[in-house]
Amino acid sequence: MNPAFALKGKTENLPTRKSKTGRKWSPGRPVVLIATIDAEIREGLADLLEHSSINAIWVGSVKDVKSIVGKERIAACLCGFWLQDGTYREVIRHLRSERLNIPAIIVSGPSCPQQYRDYLAAMNLGTLDFLSYPFQKSDFEKMVTPASASKAGLEEEADAGRAVLYRTSGAA
């Protein structure tokens, strides 16, 4: 296993803005949060991210997800079934309870192939989609690119609205 994908001890320390793929962090790209402890999922997604136009923050616990979504502008969240301190269900519930409007995509690993009940459970929680292992580049791009682009577009519109509001209210 590539040591770059192994979680180092506790994940309480928030990850840096350094890509697990070794790719340089690009400020203009949308940021996708990837939450999983499954090494094979991490490796599969890292391969797909290597040539994509998005940045990724990698975490392994629900606690880290909660901390990061409060601080970063996350365009989408890809979440495996299991995390160090919970499951994807806690992540989705947090994203919905905070009304963060971050699209979530559940990813299955080789040990948890897609089963219809897992798909339905994820959809009932309000996830955007379900990406099954083995990951196909076309499926990944169909799900993640529009999710991150639409989130970025909504934020730009909101920022533009705030700028106009401030400019209008500040004019005398």
Protein backbone atom coordinates (compact mmCIF):
# COMPACT_ATOMS: atom_id res chain seq x y z
CA MET A 1 0.00 0.00 0.00
CA ASN A 2 1.25 3.46 -0.81
CA PRO A 3 2.10 5.20 2.48
CA ALA A 4 0.66 8.47 1.17
CA PHE A 5 -2.81 7.00 1.51
CA ALA A 6 -2.45 5.57 5.01
CA LEU A 7 -4.08 7.48 7.80
CA LYS A 8 -1.45 8.50 10.33
CA GLY A 9 -2.70 7.65 13.81
CA LYS A 10 -5.48 9.96 14.88
CA THR A 11 -7.08 12.23 12.36
CA GLU A 12 -7.79 14.94 14.89
CA ASN A 13 -5.14 17.13 13.26
CA LEU A 14 -6.83 18.68 10.29
CA PRO A 15 -5.28 17.81 6.96
CA THR A 16 -3.10 20.28 5.19
CA ARG A 17 -3.81 21.71 1.78
CA LYS A 18 -1.40 19.24 0.25
CA SER A 19 -2.90 16.76 -2.16
CA LYS A 20 -2.63 13.05 -1.36
CA THR A 21 -1.87 12.52 -5.03
CA GLY A 22 1.20 14.74 -4.81
CA ARG A 23 -0.51 17.31 -7.03
CA LYS A 24 -0.06 20.93 -6.09
CA TRP A 25 -3.08 22.59 -4.48
CA SER A 26 -4.65 25.02 -6.94
CA PRO A 27 -6.55 27.92 -5.34
CA GLY A 28 -9.05 28.38 -8.19
CA ARG A 29 -10.30 24.80 -8.18
CA PRO A 30 -13.36 23.57 -6.27
CA VAL A 31 -12.61 21.67 -3.05
CA VAL A 32 -14.05 18.20 -2.50
CA LEU A 33 -14.00 16.65 0.96
CA ILE A 34 -13.29 12.91 0.93
CA ALA A 35 -14.14 11.07 4.15
CA THR A 36 -13.17 7.41 4.40
CA ILE A 37 -10.86 5.04 6.23
CA ASP A 38 -10.86 2.42 3.47
CA ALA A 39 -7.40 2.43 1.86
CA GLU A 40 -8.67 0.94 -1.42
CA ILE A 41 -11.31 3.65 -1.77
CA ARG A 42 -8.66 6.28 -1.06
CA GLU A 43 -6.32 4.84 -3.69
CA GLY A 44 -9.08 4.54 -6.28
CA LEU A 45 -10.26 8.10 -5.74
CA ALA A 46 -6.70 9.44 -5.69
CA ASP A 47 -6.14 7.90 -9.12
CA LEU A 48 -9.26 9.62 -10.44
CA LEU A 49 -8.33 12.94 -8.84
CA GLU A 50 -4.83 12.96 -10.26
CA HIS A 51 -5.93 14.46 -13.57
CA SER A 52 -9.12 16.17 -12.44
CA SER A 53 -9.69 19.87 -12.01
CA ILE A 54 -10.61 19.71 -8.33
CA ASN A 55 -8.74 19.87 -5.03
CA ALA A 56 -9.34 17.28 -2.31
CA ILE A 57 -9.19 17.33 1.45
CA TRP A 58 -8.89 13.84 2.94
CA VAL A 59 -10.24 12.94 6.38
CA GLY A 60 -11.08 9.75 8.26
CA SER A 61 -13.53 10.78 10.97
CA VAL A 62 -16.92 12.40 11.43
CA LYS A 63 -15.30 14.84 13.88
CA ASP A 64 -12.92 16.06 11.15
CA VAL A 65 -15.78 16.41 8.67
CA LYS A 66 -17.69 18.58 11.12
CA SER A 67 -14.65 20.74 11.77
CA ILE A 68 -13.75 21.22 8.11
CA VAL A 69 -17.21 22.02 6.74
CA GLY A 70 -17.42 24.85 9.24
CA LYS A 71 -14.14 26.38 8.04
CA GLU A 72 -13.72 25.56 4.34
CA ARG A 73 -15.85 26.20 1.27
CA ILE A 74 -16.55 22.59 0.32
CA ALA A 75 -18.11 21.99 -3.10
CA ALA A 76 -19.00 18.32 -2.52
CA CYS A 77 -18.41 15.52 -0.02
CA LEU A 78 -17.52 11.96 -1.02
CA CYS A 79 -18.03 9.64 1.92
CA GLY A 80 -17.26 5.96 2.45
CA PHE A 81 -19.49 3.72 4.56
CA TRP A 82 -17.22 3.68 7.61
CA LEU A 83 -15.22 6.35 9.40
CA GLN A 84 -13.12 6.10 12.56
CA ASP A 85 -15.89 7.40 14.79
CA GLY A 86 -19.07 6.63 12.87
CA THR A 87 -20.60 6.07 9.45
CA TYR A 88 -21.69 8.05 6.42
CA ARG A 89 -25.09 8.48 8.11
CA GLU A 90 -23.64 10.84 10.74
CA VAL A 91 -21.89 12.83 8.03
CA ILE A 92 -25.07 13.21 5.97
CA ARG A 93 -27.12 14.11 9.04
CA HIS A 94 -24.57 16.79 9.95
CA LEU A 95 -24.58 18.23 6.44
CA ARG A 96 -28.38 18.38 6.51
CA SER A 97 -28.71 19.65 10.09
CA GLU A 98 -26.36 22.54 9.45
CA ARG A 99 -28.18 23.37 6.19
CA LEU A 100 -24.84 23.60 4.48
CA ASN A 101 -26.20 22.49 1.09
CA ILE A 102 -23.07 20.47 0.38
CA PRO A 103 -23.87 17.71 -2.11
CA ALA A 104 -22.88 14.30 -0.73
CA ILE A 105 -21.94 11.22 -2.72
CA ILE A 106 -21.59 7.89 -0.95
CA VAL A 107 -18.77 5.66 -2.23
CA SER A 108 -18.67 1.92 -1.76
CA GLY A 109 -15.49 -0.08 -1.42
CA PRO A 110 -14.52 -3.57 -2.55
CA SER A 111 -15.56 -5.02 0.81
CA CYS A 112 -19.00 -3.36 0.54
CA PRO A 113 -20.17 -3.74 -3.04
CA GLN A 114 -23.22 -1.76 -4.00
CA GLN A 115 -26.35 -3.33 -2.70
CA TYR A 116 -29.77 -2.00 -3.41
CA ARG A 117 -30.58 -1.46 0.28
CA ASP A 118 -27.38 0.58 0.78
CA TYR A 119 -28.23 2.69 -2.24
CA LEU A 120 -31.78 3.31 -0.96
CA ALA A 121 -30.58 4.12 2.56
CA ALA A 122 -28.14 6.69 1.19
CA MET A 123 -30.76 8.23 -1.10
CA ASN A 124 -33.30 8.41 1.75
CA LEU A 125 -30.80 10.46 3.75
CA GLY A 126 -30.63 13.00 0.94
CA THR A 127 -27.40 12.12 -0.82
CA LEU A 128 -26.80 13.27 -4.36
CA ASP A 129 -25.59 9.92 -5.68
CA PHE A 130 -23.86 6.60 -4.98
CA LEU A 131 -20.51 5.75 -6.58
CA SER A 132 -19.76 2.02 -6.60
CA TYR A 133 -16.39 0.32 -6.56
CA PRO A 134 -14.57 -0.24 -8.90
CA PHE A 135 -14.72 3.46 -9.78
CA GLN A 136 -15.03 4.43 -13.41
CA LYS A 137 -13.64 7.79 -14.47
CA SER A 138 -16.77 8.63 -16.46
CA ASP A 139 -19.07 7.90 -13.48
CA PHE A 140 -16.84 9.92 -11.18
CA GLU A 141 -16.81 12.91 -13.52
CA LYS A 142 -20.58 12.74 -14.09
CA MET A 143 -21.18 12.97 -10.34
CA VAL A 144 -18.42 15.12 -8.90
CA THR A 145 -17.85 17.73 -11.59
CA PRO A 146 -21.47 18.98 -11.78
CA ALA A 147 -21.82 18.82 -7.98
CA SER A 148 -18.72 20.91 -7.43
CA ALA A 149 -19.51 23.28 -10.30
CA SER A 150 -23.08 23.91 -9.13
CA LYS A 151 -21.95 24.52 -5.56
CA ALA A 152 -19.23 26.91 -6.76
CA GLY A 153 -21.78 28.68 -8.97
CA LEU A 154 -24.20 29.11 -6.07
CA GLU A 155 -21.44 30.53 -3.90
CA GLU A 156 -20.33 32.95 -6.62
CA GLU A 157 -23.91 34.14 -7.06
CA ALA A 158 -24.26 34.55 -3.30
CA ASP A 159 -20.95 36.44 -3.14
CA ALA A 160 -22.03 38.67 -6.03
CA GLY A 161 -25.34 39.35 -4.28
CA ARG A 162 -23.58 40.27 -1.06
CA ALA A 163 -21.18 42.55 -2.93
CA VAL A 164 -24.08 44.35 -4.63
CA LEU A 165 -25.94 44.58 -1.32
CA TYR A 166 -22.93 46.06 0.44
CA ARG A 167 -22.25 48.46 -2.40
CA THR A 168 -25.87 49.59 -2.53
CA SER A 169 -26.30 49.97 1.21
CA GLY A 170 -22.95 51.74 1.61
CA ALA A 171 -23.57 54.35 -1.12
CA ALA A 172 -24.62 57.74 0.14
